[in-house]
Amino acid sequence: MLKDNIAYLLKFASKEVYIDDLLNGHLYMNAADYYHGLPGEQGDPLEASMVLPACIYGNYRLPIYCMYTVRENDIVDGSVQIPKRMIREFGCADGWIGIVRYDSFARLIDSHTTGGEEVYAHGAISYGIPGPKLIEEIFQGTICNLLIKTPKYAYQQEYRIIGSNPVECRLRPDTKHPGCKIEEYGHAELDLGSQLTGFSWKTPVSSLTEEQHRLALKLPQHA
């Protein structure tokens, strides 16, 4: 049985080359803290919070790779409906979508998770405000805080791959505010050591069929 009923993972990108990187098994990952300053729904000032909605952060230097979760019950007649706001807010109207079959991809990621050498964790995001017991588990490190987000982002159906090694962080002068410093984070690149041949595809966003406030994506070889 597929974990959490997940059938596919999608990656939205503004350029085809970014999808080609994924299909070649090369993941470009930004630090969690990188998303604090992004505009619109790509940004989240509470990213890496330990206690929502308080700004107490943890694991904010760990790199993350974000995808879109497609579960079996999302698929109707071999297609999945994608909110148009996903395409709009992620600047992908003229972009591309990468499609990977979940079970094969998860096995590949698991092979890099053993021992925590490269991948710290991966899984679908849970959307909600943690209660006291869950907060305690987050602080104990039993639950990864990077797999929990506030409900306002639930439409993104996010799946995350979290790297084990923190990225570099340096301070640079803030030209707009003399005397102040800005944190600047590096990035990480995860090489899966294998192309996703046989269980991955790509398609231009322009090929999707528009249906009301959603776009219909035909999934390849769906059983």
N, C-alpha and C. Protein backbone atom coordinates (compact mmCIF):
# COMPACT_ATOMS: atom_id res chain seq x y z
N MET A 1 0.84 -1.20 0.00
CA MET A 1 0.00 0.00 0.00
C MET A 1 0.88 1.24 0.00
N LEU A 2 0.49 2.24 -0.78
CA LEU A 2 1.26 3.46 -0.84
C LEU A 2 1.14 4.23 0.47
N LYS A 3 2.24 4.77 0.94
CA LYS A 3 2.25 5.51 2.19
C LYS A 3 1.34 6.73 2.08
N ASP A 4 0.42 6.87 3.05
CA ASP A 4 -0.50 8.00 3.09
C ASP A 4 -1.28 8.15 1.78
N ASN A 5 -1.39 7.04 1.03
CA ASN A 5 -2.17 7.06 -0.21
C ASN A 5 -1.57 7.98 -1.27
N ILE A 6 -0.27 8.27 -1.18
CA ILE A 6 0.39 9.15 -2.15
C ILE A 6 0.72 8.37 -3.42
N ALA A 7 0.33 8.93 -4.55
CA ALA A 7 0.56 8.26 -5.83
C ALA A 7 1.69 8.94 -6.63
N TYR A 8 1.69 10.28 -6.66
CA TYR A 8 2.68 11.03 -7.43
C TYR A 8 3.15 12.24 -6.63
N LEU A 9 4.31 12.75 -7.00
CA LEU A 9 4.79 14.05 -6.53
C LEU A 9 5.04 14.91 -7.75
N LEU A 10 4.65 16.19 -7.66
CA LEU A 10 4.85 17.13 -8.76
C LEU A 10 5.83 18.21 -8.35
N LYS A 11 6.57 18.72 -9.32
CA LYS A 11 7.45 19.86 -9.10
C LYS A 11 7.11 20.93 -10.12
N PHE A 12 6.79 22.13 -9.65
CA PHE A 12 6.49 23.26 -10.52
C PHE A 12 7.74 24.12 -10.66
N ALA A 13 8.06 24.54 -11.87
CA ALA A 13 9.25 25.35 -12.08
C ALA A 13 9.02 26.32 -13.23
N SER A 14 9.68 27.47 -13.15
CA SER A 14 9.53 28.48 -14.19
C SER A 14 10.33 28.14 -15.44
N LYS A 15 11.36 27.27 -15.30
CA LYS A 15 12.20 26.91 -16.44
C LYS A 15 12.34 25.40 -16.57
N GLU A 16 12.39 24.93 -17.80
CA GLU A 16 12.49 23.50 -18.07
C GLU A 16 13.76 22.90 -17.47
N VAL A 17 14.84 23.66 -17.45
CA VAL A 17 16.11 23.13 -16.96
C VAL A 17 16.02 22.73 -15.49
N TYR A 18 15.16 23.41 -14.71
CA TYR A 18 15.00 23.05 -13.30
C TYR A 18 14.33 21.69 -13.17
N ILE A 19 13.39 21.40 -14.06
CA ILE A 19 12.75 20.09 -14.05
C ILE A 19 13.72 19.02 -14.53
N ASP A 20 14.54 19.36 -15.51
CA ASP A 20 15.54 18.41 -16.00
C ASP A 20 16.50 18.02 -14.87
N ASP A 21 16.84 18.97 -14.01
CA ASP A 21 17.70 18.66 -12.87
C ASP A 21 17.06 17.59 -12.00
N LEU A 22 15.77 17.75 -11.70
CA LEU A 22 15.06 16.75 -10.89
C LEU A 22 15.08 15.40 -11.57
N LEU A 23 14.73 15.35 -12.84
CA LEU A 23 14.65 14.09 -13.56
C LEU A 23 16.02 13.41 -13.68
N ASN A 24 17.08 14.21 -13.57
CA ASN A 24 18.44 13.67 -13.59
C ASN A 24 18.92 13.30 -12.18
N GLY A 25 18.02 13.44 -11.19
CA GLY A 25 18.37 13.06 -9.83
C GLY A 25 19.19 14.08 -9.09
N HIS A 26 19.04 15.35 -9.48
CA HIS A 26 19.83 16.41 -8.86
C HIS A 26 18.87 17.44 -8.25
N LEU A 27 18.86 17.53 -6.92
CA LEU A 27 17.93 18.42 -6.22
C LEU A 27 18.66 19.64 -5.67
N TYR A 28 18.18 20.82 -6.06
CA TYR A 28 18.73 22.09 -5.57
C TYR A 28 17.88 22.51 -4.37
N MET A 29 18.51 22.67 -3.22
CA MET A 29 17.78 22.88 -1.98
C MET A 29 18.19 24.19 -1.31
N ASN A 30 17.19 24.96 -0.86
CA ASN A 30 17.44 26.19 -0.12
C ASN A 30 17.22 25.97 1.37
N ALA A 31 17.91 26.77 2.18
CA ALA A 31 17.72 26.70 3.62
C ALA A 31 16.30 27.09 3.98
N ALA A 32 15.77 26.49 5.04
CA ALA A 32 14.40 26.81 5.47
C ALA A 32 14.24 28.31 5.70
N ASP A 33 15.24 28.95 6.28
CA ASP A 33 15.15 30.37 6.59
C ASP A 33 15.06 31.23 5.33
N TYR A 34 15.50 30.70 4.19
CA TYR A 34 15.45 31.42 2.92
C TYR A 34 14.02 31.85 2.59
N TYR A 35 13.04 31.07 3.03
CA TYR A 35 11.65 31.32 2.67
C TYR A 35 10.99 32.40 3.52
N HIS A 36 11.68 32.88 4.55
CA HIS A 36 11.11 33.94 5.38
C HIS A 36 10.86 35.21 4.58
N GLY A 37 11.77 35.53 3.66
CA GLY A 37 11.68 36.81 2.97
C GLY A 37 11.08 36.78 1.59
N LEU A 38 10.61 35.62 1.13
CA LEU A 38 10.06 35.55 -0.22
C LEU A 38 8.67 36.20 -0.27
N PRO A 39 8.33 36.82 -1.40
CA PRO A 39 7.02 37.48 -1.52
C PRO A 39 5.89 36.49 -1.71
N GLY A 40 4.67 36.94 -1.43
CA GLY A 40 3.48 36.14 -1.68
C GLY A 40 3.45 34.85 -0.88
N GLU A 41 2.77 33.84 -1.44
CA GLU A 41 2.59 32.58 -0.74
C GLU A 41 3.81 31.67 -0.80
N GLN A 42 4.82 32.07 -1.58
CA GLN A 42 6.07 31.30 -1.55
C GLN A 42 6.79 31.52 -0.22
N GLY A 43 6.58 32.72 0.34
CA GLY A 43 7.24 33.05 1.59
C GLY A 43 6.41 32.66 2.80
N ASP A 44 7.08 32.39 3.91
CA ASP A 44 6.39 32.05 5.16
C ASP A 44 7.28 32.51 6.32
N PRO A 45 6.91 33.62 6.99
CA PRO A 45 7.72 34.12 8.09
C PRO A 45 7.80 33.16 9.27
N LEU A 46 6.90 32.17 9.32
CA LEU A 46 6.91 31.19 10.40
C LEU A 46 7.62 29.89 10.00
N GLU A 47 8.24 29.89 8.83
CA GLU A 47 8.97 28.70 8.41
C GLU A 47 10.02 28.33 9.46
N ALA A 48 10.07 27.06 9.84
CA ALA A 48 11.01 26.52 10.82
C ALA A 48 10.66 26.90 12.26
N SER A 49 9.44 27.41 12.48
CA SER A 49 9.01 27.71 13.85
C SER A 49 8.95 26.43 14.68
N MET A 50 9.31 26.55 15.94
CA MET A 50 9.19 25.44 16.87
C MET A 50 7.84 25.47 17.57
N VAL A 51 7.31 26.68 17.78
CA VAL A 51 6.04 26.86 18.45
C VAL A 51 5.22 27.85 17.64
N LEU A 52 4.20 27.35 16.93
CA LEU A 52 3.35 28.24 16.14
C LEU A 52 2.33 28.90 17.05
N PRO A 53 2.05 30.23 16.88
CA PRO A 53 2.64 31.12 15.87
C PRO A 53 3.82 31.94 16.39
N ALA A 54 4.49 31.48 17.45
CA ALA A 54 5.62 32.24 17.99
C ALA A 54 6.85 32.09 17.09
N CYS A 55 7.66 33.12 17.04
CA CYS A 55 8.85 33.11 16.19
C CYS A 55 10.05 32.54 16.96
N ILE A 56 9.93 31.27 17.33
CA ILE A 56 11.02 30.53 17.96
C ILE A 56 11.42 29.47 16.95
N TYR A 57 12.60 29.59 16.39
CA TYR A 57 12.97 28.78 15.25
C TYR A 57 13.94 27.66 15.60
N GLY A 58 13.88 26.61 14.79
CA GLY A 58 14.82 25.50 14.91
C GLY A 58 14.98 24.85 13.55
N ASN A 59 16.15 24.29 13.30
CA ASN A 59 16.45 23.63 12.01
C ASN A 59 16.36 24.58 10.83
N TYR A 60 16.47 25.89 11.08
CA TYR A 60 16.27 26.86 10.00
C TYR A 60 17.41 26.88 8.98
N ARG A 61 18.53 26.25 9.32
CA ARG A 61 19.64 26.17 8.35
C ARG A 61 19.62 24.88 7.55
N LEU A 62 18.69 23.99 7.85
CA LEU A 62 18.61 22.75 7.08
C LEU A 62 18.00 23.04 5.71
N PRO A 63 18.54 22.43 4.66
CA PRO A 63 18.01 22.68 3.30
C PRO A 63 16.78 21.83 3.02
N ILE A 64 15.85 22.39 2.26
CA ILE A 64 14.62 21.67 1.94
C ILE A 64 14.34 21.73 0.44
N TYR A 65 13.67 20.69 -0.04
CA TYR A 65 13.23 20.61 -1.43
C TYR A 65 11.73 20.35 -1.40
N CYS A 66 10.97 21.19 -2.07
CA CYS A 66 9.50 21.17 -1.95
C CYS A 66 8.84 20.64 -3.23
N MET A 67 7.82 19.79 -3.03
CA MET A 67 7.05 19.25 -4.14
C MET A 67 5.56 19.29 -3.78
N TYR A 68 4.72 18.86 -4.71
CA TYR A 68 3.27 18.89 -4.55
C TYR A 68 2.77 17.45 -4.49
N THR A 69 1.97 17.14 -3.47
CA THR A 69 1.50 15.77 -3.24
C THR A 69 0.22 15.47 -4.01
N VAL A 70 0.22 14.36 -4.73
CA VAL A 70 -0.99 13.87 -5.40
C VAL A 70 -1.33 12.51 -4.79
N ARG A 71 -2.47 12.44 -4.11
CA ARG A 71 -2.92 11.18 -3.54
C ARG A 71 -3.89 10.49 -4.49
N GLU A 72 -4.10 9.21 -4.24
CA GLU A 72 -4.97 8.42 -5.11
C GLU A 72 -6.35 9.04 -5.24
N ASN A 73 -6.88 9.56 -4.13
CA ASN A 73 -8.23 10.12 -4.19
C ASN A 73 -8.28 11.50 -4.85
N ASP A 74 -7.11 12.06 -5.23
CA ASP A 74 -7.07 13.30 -6.00
C ASP A 74 -7.24 13.03 -7.49
N ILE A 75 -7.08 11.77 -7.89
CA ILE A 75 -7.05 11.42 -9.31
C ILE A 75 -8.42 10.96 -9.79
N VAL A 76 -8.92 11.63 -10.81
CA VAL A 76 -10.20 11.28 -11.41
C VAL A 76 -10.00 11.10 -12.91
N ASP A 77 -10.34 9.92 -13.41
CA ASP A 77 -10.18 9.62 -14.84
C ASP A 77 -8.75 9.88 -15.32
N GLY A 78 -7.77 9.54 -14.46
CA GLY A 78 -6.37 9.66 -14.85
C GLY A 78 -5.81 11.06 -14.80
N SER A 79 -6.58 12.03 -14.25
CA SER A 79 -6.13 13.41 -14.18
C SER A 79 -6.22 13.94 -12.76
N VAL A 80 -5.42 14.96 -12.46
CA VAL A 80 -5.48 15.63 -11.17
C VAL A 80 -5.74 17.12 -11.41
N GLN A 81 -6.57 17.71 -10.55
CA GLN A 81 -6.91 19.12 -10.66
C GLN A 81 -5.95 19.94 -9.80
N ILE A 82 -5.25 20.88 -10.42
CA ILE A 82 -4.28 21.72 -9.71
C ILE A 82 -4.84 23.14 -9.57
N PRO A 83 -4.82 23.70 -8.35
CA PRO A 83 -5.32 25.07 -8.17
C PRO A 83 -4.52 26.04 -9.04
N LYS A 84 -5.22 26.93 -9.75
CA LYS A 84 -4.54 27.90 -10.61
C LYS A 84 -3.64 28.83 -9.79
N ARG A 85 -4.00 29.05 -8.52
CA ARG A 85 -3.18 29.92 -7.69
C ARG A 85 -1.79 29.34 -7.47
N MET A 86 -1.65 28.01 -7.50
CA MET A 86 -0.33 27.38 -7.38
C MET A 86 0.56 27.83 -8.53
N ILE A 87 -0.01 27.80 -9.73
CA ILE A 87 0.76 28.19 -10.91
C ILE A 87 1.06 29.68 -10.89
N ARG A 88 0.07 30.46 -10.52
CA ARG A 88 0.24 31.92 -10.49
C ARG A 88 1.25 32.35 -9.43
N GLU A 89 1.09 31.87 -8.23
CA GLU A 89 1.93 32.33 -7.12
C GLU A 89 3.36 31.83 -7.21
N PHE A 90 3.57 30.74 -7.93
CA PHE A 90 4.93 30.22 -8.08
C PHE A 90 5.54 30.62 -9.42
N GLY A 91 4.87 31.54 -10.13
CA GLY A 91 5.44 32.10 -11.35
C GLY A 91 5.69 31.08 -12.44
N CYS A 92 4.77 30.13 -12.61
CA CYS A 92 5.00 29.03 -13.55
C CYS A 92 4.03 29.00 -14.72
N ALA A 93 3.38 30.11 -15.01
CA ALA A 93 2.40 30.13 -16.10
C ALA A 93 3.02 29.71 -17.42
N ASP A 94 4.28 30.06 -17.64
CA ASP A 94 4.99 29.67 -18.85
C ASP A 94 6.04 28.61 -18.55
N GLY A 95 5.86 27.93 -17.43
CA GLY A 95 6.87 26.99 -16.97
C GLY A 95 6.56 25.54 -17.26
N TRP A 96 7.12 24.68 -16.40
CA TRP A 96 7.04 23.23 -16.61
C TRP A 96 6.67 22.53 -15.31
N ILE A 97 6.18 21.30 -15.46
CA ILE A 97 5.85 20.47 -14.31
C ILE A 97 6.59 19.14 -14.42
N GLY A 98 7.28 18.78 -13.35
CA GLY A 98 7.90 17.47 -13.26
C GLY A 98 6.96 16.52 -12.53
N ILE A 99 6.87 15.29 -13.01
CA ILE A 99 5.97 14.30 -12.43
C ILE A 99 6.79 13.07 -12.07
N VAL A 100 6.73 12.63 -10.82
CA VAL A 100 7.45 11.41 -10.42
C VAL A 100 6.49 10.47 -9.71
N ARG A 101 6.64 9.19 -10.00
CA ARG A 101 5.84 8.19 -9.31
C ARG A 101 6.37 8.04 -7.89
N TYR A 102 5.49 8.17 -6.92
CA TYR A 102 5.92 8.29 -5.53
C TYR A 102 6.68 7.08 -5.00
N ASP A 103 6.17 5.88 -5.20
CA ASP A 103 6.79 4.72 -4.57
C ASP A 103 8.25 4.55 -4.98
N SER A 104 8.53 4.70 -6.27
CA SER A 104 9.91 4.55 -6.75
C SER A 104 10.79 5.68 -6.25
N PHE A 105 10.26 6.90 -6.26
CA PHE A 105 11.02 8.05 -5.80
C PHE A 105 11.32 7.95 -4.31
N ALA A 106 10.33 7.52 -3.52
CA ALA A 106 10.51 7.40 -2.07
C ALA A 106 11.59 6.37 -1.75
N ARG A 107 11.63 5.27 -2.48
CA ARG A 107 12.67 4.26 -2.24
C ARG A 107 14.05 4.84 -2.51
N LEU A 108 14.15 5.66 -3.55
CA LEU A 108 15.43 6.28 -3.88
C LEU A 108 15.86 7.25 -2.78
N ILE A 109 14.91 8.06 -2.29
CA ILE A 109 15.21 8.99 -1.20
C ILE A 109 15.58 8.22 0.06
N ASP A 110 14.87 7.13 0.35
CA ASP A 110 15.16 6.32 1.55
C ASP A 110 16.58 5.81 1.54
N SER A 111 17.11 5.52 0.36
CA SER A 111 18.49 5.01 0.28
C SER A 111 19.51 6.06 0.69
N HIS A 112 19.09 7.33 0.74
CA HIS A 112 19.97 8.41 1.17
C HIS A 112 19.62 8.88 2.59
N THR A 113 18.65 8.22 3.19
CA THR A 113 18.22 8.60 4.53
C THR A 113 18.87 7.74 5.60
N THR A 114 19.25 6.52 5.24
CA THR A 114 19.84 5.59 6.20
C THR A 114 21.06 6.21 6.87
N GLY A 115 21.01 6.27 8.19
CA GLY A 115 22.12 6.87 8.93
C GLY A 115 22.07 8.37 8.98
N GLY A 116 21.12 8.99 8.27
CA GLY A 116 20.99 10.44 8.30
C GLY A 116 22.15 11.18 7.67
N GLU A 117 22.86 10.53 6.76
CA GLU A 117 24.05 11.15 6.18
C GLU A 117 23.72 12.29 5.22
N GLU A 118 22.68 12.12 4.42
CA GLU A 118 22.35 13.13 3.42
C GLU A 118 20.93 13.68 3.59
N VAL A 119 19.98 12.80 3.88
CA VAL A 119 18.59 13.21 4.04
C VAL A 119 18.16 12.99 5.49
N TYR A 120 17.73 14.08 6.12
CA TYR A 120 17.30 14.01 7.52
C TYR A 120 15.90 13.40 7.63
N ALA A 121 15.01 13.84 6.75
CA ALA A 121 13.64 13.33 6.76
C ALA A 121 12.98 13.69 5.45
N HIS A 122 11.90 12.99 5.13
CA HIS A 122 11.07 13.38 3.99
C HIS A 122 9.65 12.90 4.25
N GLY A 123 8.68 13.70 3.79
CA GLY A 123 7.29 13.34 4.01
C GLY A 123 6.36 14.48 3.66
N ALA A 124 5.07 14.17 3.69
CA ALA A 124 4.04 15.17 3.41
C ALA A 124 3.91 16.11 4.61
N ILE A 125 3.67 17.37 4.32
CA ILE A 125 3.48 18.38 5.36
C ILE A 125 2.15 18.15 6.09
N SER A 126 2.18 18.33 7.42
CA SER A 126 0.95 18.34 8.21
C SER A 126 0.58 19.80 8.46
N TYR A 127 -0.69 20.13 8.25
CA TYR A 127 -1.13 21.51 8.39
C TYR A 127 -1.99 21.66 9.65
N GLY A 128 -1.54 22.51 10.56
CA GLY A 128 -2.29 22.73 11.79
C GLY A 128 -1.44 23.45 12.82
N ILE A 129 -2.04 23.75 13.96
CA ILE A 129 -1.34 24.40 15.07
C ILE A 129 -1.02 23.33 16.10
N PRO A 130 0.26 23.02 16.35
CA PRO A 130 0.62 21.94 17.27
C PRO A 130 0.11 22.19 18.70
N GLY A 131 -0.38 21.13 19.34
CA GLY A 131 -0.77 21.19 20.74
C GLY A 131 0.45 20.98 21.64
N PRO A 132 0.26 21.05 22.95
CA PRO A 132 1.38 20.94 23.91
C PRO A 132 2.21 19.66 23.74
N LYS A 133 1.54 18.49 23.54
CA LYS A 133 2.27 17.24 23.40
C LYS A 133 3.16 17.24 22.17
N LEU A 134 2.62 17.73 21.05
CA LEU A 134 3.39 17.76 19.81
C LEU A 134 4.54 18.76 19.91
N ILE A 135 4.31 19.89 20.58
CA ILE A 135 5.36 20.88 20.77
C ILE A 135 6.52 20.27 21.57
N GLU A 136 6.17 19.50 22.60
CA GLU A 136 7.21 18.84 23.40
C GLU A 136 8.02 17.87 22.55
N GLU A 137 7.34 17.13 21.67
CA GLU A 137 8.03 16.19 20.79
C GLU A 137 8.92 16.92 19.78
N ILE A 138 8.48 18.09 19.33
CA ILE A 138 9.29 18.90 18.41
C ILE A 138 10.58 19.33 19.10
N PHE A 139 10.48 19.82 20.34
CA PHE A 139 11.66 20.26 21.06
C PHE A 139 12.59 19.10 21.40
N GLN A 140 12.03 17.91 21.57
CA GLN A 140 12.83 16.73 21.86
C GLN A 140 13.47 16.16 20.59
N GLY A 141 13.01 16.65 19.45
CA GLY A 141 13.54 16.17 18.18
C GLY A 141 12.87 14.91 17.66
N THR A 142 11.79 14.47 18.34
CA THR A 142 11.05 13.29 17.89
C THR A 142 10.30 13.58 16.59
N ILE A 143 9.74 14.77 16.51
CA ILE A 143 9.02 15.23 15.32
C ILE A 143 9.80 16.39 14.70
N CYS A 144 9.92 16.38 13.37
CA CYS A 144 10.65 17.47 12.70
C CYS A 144 9.71 18.65 12.48
N ASN A 145 10.07 19.80 13.00
CA ASN A 145 9.22 20.99 12.87
C ASN A 145 9.08 21.45 11.42
N LEU A 146 10.00 21.03 10.55
CA LEU A 146 9.92 21.44 9.15
C LEU A 146 8.86 20.67 8.36
N LEU A 147 8.19 19.73 9.03
CA LEU A 147 7.11 18.99 8.38
C LEU A 147 5.74 19.44 8.87
N ILE A 148 5.70 20.62 9.53
CA ILE A 148 4.45 21.16 10.04
C ILE A 148 4.32 22.63 9.60
N LYS A 149 3.17 22.99 9.05
CA LYS A 149 2.93 24.37 8.63
C LYS A 149 1.52 24.79 9.03
N THR A 150 1.28 26.11 9.01
CA THR A 150 -0.03 26.63 9.38
C THR A 150 -1.06 26.28 8.29
N PRO A 151 -2.34 26.16 8.67
CA PRO A 151 -3.39 25.72 7.74
C PRO A 151 -3.56 26.59 6.50
N LYS A 152 -3.15 27.86 6.52
CA LYS A 152 -3.35 28.74 5.36
C LYS A 152 -2.63 28.22 4.11
N TYR A 153 -1.63 27.36 4.31
CA TYR A 153 -0.86 26.84 3.17
C TYR A 153 -1.32 25.45 2.74
N ALA A 154 -2.43 24.96 3.29
CA ALA A 154 -2.85 23.59 3.04
C ALA A 154 -3.10 23.30 1.56
N TYR A 155 -3.52 24.33 0.79
CA TYR A 155 -3.82 24.12 -0.64
C TYR A 155 -2.57 23.73 -1.43
N GLN A 156 -1.38 23.99 -0.85
CA GLN A 156 -0.13 23.67 -1.55
C GLN A 156 0.20 22.18 -1.50
N GLN A 157 -0.47 21.42 -0.63
CA GLN A 157 -0.28 19.96 -0.54
C GLN A 157 1.21 19.59 -0.62
N GLU A 158 1.99 20.22 0.22
CA GLU A 158 3.44 20.14 0.08
C GLU A 158 4.03 18.84 0.61
N TYR A 159 5.04 18.38 -0.10
CA TYR A 159 5.88 17.25 0.31
C TYR A 159 7.31 17.76 0.38
N ARG A 160 8.04 17.36 1.42
CA ARG A 160 9.39 17.90 1.59
C ARG A 160 10.46 16.82 1.73
N ILE A 161 11.60 17.12 1.15
CA ILE A 161 12.82 16.37 1.40
C ILE A 161 13.75 17.32 2.16
N ILE A 162 14.19 16.90 3.32
CA ILE A 162 14.99 17.76 4.20
C ILE A 162 16.40 17.21 4.31
N GLY A 163 17.37 18.02 3.95
CA GLY A 163 18.77 17.61 4.02
C GLY A 163 19.28 17.54 5.46
N SER A 164 20.31 16.75 5.67
CA SER A 164 20.86 16.55 7.01
C SER A 164 21.86 17.62 7.42
N ASN A 165 22.55 18.19 6.45
CA ASN A 165 23.65 19.08 6.76
C ASN A 165 23.26 20.55 6.63
N PRO A 166 23.37 21.33 7.72
CA PRO A 166 23.01 22.76 7.67
C PRO A 166 23.84 23.51 6.61
N VAL A 167 23.21 24.46 5.94
CA VAL A 167 23.94 25.27 4.96
C VAL A 167 24.70 26.37 5.68
N GLU A 168 25.62 26.97 4.97
CA GLU A 168 26.40 28.06 5.55
C GLU A 168 25.55 29.32 5.69
N CYS A 169 25.86 30.10 6.69
CA CYS A 169 25.17 31.38 6.92
C CYS A 169 26.21 32.45 7.21
N ARG A 170 26.07 33.58 6.56
CA ARG A 170 27.00 34.69 6.82
C ARG A 170 26.22 35.98 6.94
N LEU A 171 26.82 36.95 7.59
CA LEU A 171 26.19 38.27 7.75
C LEU A 171 26.81 39.25 6.78
N ARG A 172 25.96 40.03 6.12
CA ARG A 172 26.47 41.07 5.23
C ARG A 172 25.79 42.39 5.59
N PRO A 173 26.43 43.50 5.31
CA PRO A 173 25.86 44.81 5.66
C PRO A 173 24.53 45.06 4.96
N ASP A 174 23.59 45.64 5.67
CA ASP A 174 22.30 46.02 5.10
C ASP A 174 22.43 47.45 4.58
N THR A 175 22.48 47.58 3.24
CA THR A 175 22.70 48.89 2.63
C THR A 175 21.56 49.86 2.90
N LYS A 176 20.36 49.32 3.16
CA LYS A 176 19.22 50.18 3.42
C LYS A 176 19.15 50.64 4.88
N HIS A 177 19.85 49.93 5.75
CA HIS A 177 19.83 50.25 7.18
C HIS A 177 21.26 50.20 7.71
N PRO A 178 21.99 51.31 7.58
CA PRO A 178 23.39 51.36 8.03
C PRO A 178 23.54 50.89 9.47
N GLY A 179 24.58 50.09 9.69
CA GLY A 179 24.84 49.57 11.02
C GLY A 179 24.17 48.24 11.29
N CYS A 180 23.27 47.82 10.40
CA CYS A 180 22.55 46.55 10.57
C CYS A 180 23.15 45.48 9.64
N LYS A 181 22.91 44.25 9.98
CA LYS A 181 23.40 43.12 9.19
C LYS A 181 22.22 42.28 8.69
N ILE A 182 22.42 41.64 7.55
CA ILE A 182 21.43 40.74 6.96
C ILE A 182 22.01 39.34 6.90
N GLU A 183 21.21 38.36 7.34
CA GLU A 183 21.65 36.97 7.24
C GLU A 183 21.51 36.50 5.80
N GLU A 184 22.55 35.87 5.29
CA GLU A 184 22.54 35.37 3.92
C GLU A 184 22.91 33.89 3.95
N TYR A 185 22.03 33.06 3.40
CA TYR A 185 22.22 31.61 3.49
C TYR A 185 22.68 31.02 2.16
N GLY A 186 23.47 29.99 2.27
CA GLY A 186 23.88 29.25 1.09
C GLY A 186 22.80 28.25 0.69
N HIS A 187 23.15 27.33 -0.18
CA HIS A 187 22.20 26.30 -0.60
C HIS A 187 22.90 24.95 -0.60
N ALA A 188 22.13 23.90 -0.80
CA ALA A 188 22.68 22.55 -0.86
C ALA A 188 22.23 21.89 -2.14
N GLU A 189 23.00 20.92 -2.59
CA GLU A 189 22.64 20.17 -3.78
C GLU A 189 22.72 18.68 -3.44
N LEU A 190 21.60 18.01 -3.57
CA LEU A 190 21.53 16.58 -3.26
C LEU A 190 21.57 15.78 -4.56
N ASP A 191 22.59 14.97 -4.71
CA ASP A 191 22.74 14.11 -5.88
C ASP A 191 22.23 12.72 -5.50
N LEU A 192 21.13 12.31 -6.11
CA LEU A 192 20.54 11.01 -5.79
C LEU A 192 21.30 9.85 -6.42
N GLY A 193 22.29 10.17 -7.26
CA GLY A 193 23.13 9.14 -7.83
C GLY A 193 22.47 8.31 -8.90
N SER A 194 21.31 8.76 -9.35
CA SER A 194 20.59 8.01 -10.37
C SER A 194 19.57 8.90 -11.04
N GLN A 195 19.41 8.74 -12.34
CA GLN A 195 18.33 9.43 -13.04
C GLN A 195 17.01 8.76 -12.69
N LEU A 196 15.93 9.50 -12.78
CA LEU A 196 14.63 8.96 -12.41
C LEU A 196 13.97 8.30 -13.63
N THR A 197 14.76 7.56 -14.36
CA THR A 197 14.30 6.92 -15.60
C THR A 197 13.24 5.87 -15.31
N GLY A 198 12.15 5.95 -16.07
CA GLY A 198 11.11 4.95 -15.94
C GLY A 198 9.99 5.31 -14.99
N PHE A 199 10.21 6.33 -14.14
CA PHE A 199 9.13 6.73 -13.24
C PHE A 199 9.05 8.25 -13.10
N SER A 200 9.50 8.96 -14.13
CA SER A 200 9.39 10.42 -14.11
C SER A 200 9.08 10.94 -15.51
N TRP A 201 8.39 12.08 -15.55
CA TRP A 201 8.00 12.70 -16.80
C TRP A 201 8.00 14.22 -16.61
N LYS A 202 7.87 14.95 -17.69
CA LYS A 202 7.72 16.39 -17.61
C LYS A 202 6.73 16.86 -18.65
N THR A 203 6.09 17.97 -18.37
CA THR A 203 5.11 18.53 -19.31
C THR A 203 5.05 20.04 -19.13
N PRO A 204 4.86 20.79 -20.21
CA PRO A 204 4.72 22.24 -20.07
C PRO A 204 3.38 22.59 -19.44
N VAL A 205 3.35 23.64 -18.65
CA VAL A 205 2.10 24.09 -18.03
C VAL A 205 1.07 24.44 -19.10
N SER A 206 1.54 24.91 -20.24
CA SER A 206 0.63 25.30 -21.33
C SER A 206 -0.19 24.13 -21.86
N SER A 207 0.22 22.89 -21.57
CA SER A 207 -0.50 21.72 -22.07
C SER A 207 -1.68 21.34 -21.18
N LEU A 208 -1.80 21.98 -20.02
CA LEU A 208 -2.88 21.66 -19.10
C LEU A 208 -4.21 22.22 -19.58
N THR A 209 -5.28 21.55 -19.24
CA THR A 209 -6.63 21.98 -19.62
C THR A 209 -7.25 22.80 -18.50
N GLU A 210 -7.77 23.97 -18.84
CA GLU A 210 -8.36 24.84 -17.83
C GLU A 210 -9.80 24.43 -17.53
N GLU A 211 -10.10 24.31 -16.23
CA GLU A 211 -11.44 23.97 -15.78
C GLU A 211 -11.77 24.82 -14.56
N GLN A 212 -12.55 25.86 -14.75
CA GLN A 212 -12.94 26.81 -13.71
C GLN A 212 -11.69 27.41 -13.05
N HIS A 213 -11.51 27.20 -11.75
CA HIS A 213 -10.37 27.78 -11.05
C HIS A 213 -9.21 26.79 -10.93
N ARG A 214 -9.25 25.76 -11.73
CA ARG A 214 -8.21 24.73 -11.66
C ARG A 214 -7.70 24.36 -13.05
N LEU A 215 -6.57 23.67 -13.05
CA LEU A 215 -5.99 23.19 -14.28
C LEU A 215 -5.88 21.66 -14.19
N ALA A 216 -6.33 20.98 -15.23
CA ALA A 216 -6.32 19.51 -15.25
C ALA A 216 -5.03 18.99 -15.85
N LEU A 217 -4.31 18.18 -15.06
CA LEU A 217 -3.06 17.56 -15.51
C LEU A 217 -3.30 16.08 -15.73
N LYS A 218 -3.11 15.62 -16.96
CA LYS A 218 -3.26 14.20 -17.28
C LYS A 218 -2.00 13.48 -16.80
N LEU A 219 -2.19 12.47 -15.95
CA LEU A 219 -1.06 11.75 -15.40
C LEU A 219 -0.69 10.58 -16.31
N PRO A 220 0.60 10.43 -16.58
CA PRO A 220 1.04 9.37 -17.52
C PRO A 220 0.99 8.00 -16.90
N GLN A 221 0.57 7.03 -17.68
CA GLN A 221 0.63 5.62 -17.30
C GLN A 221 0.04 5.36 -15.93
N HIS A 222 -1.06 6.04 -15.64
CA HIS A 222 -1.68 5.82 -14.32
C HIS A 222 -2.48 4.52 -14.32
N ALA A 223 -2.13 3.67 -13.35
CA ALA A 223 -2.80 2.36 -13.29
C ALA A 223 -4.19 2.49 -12.65
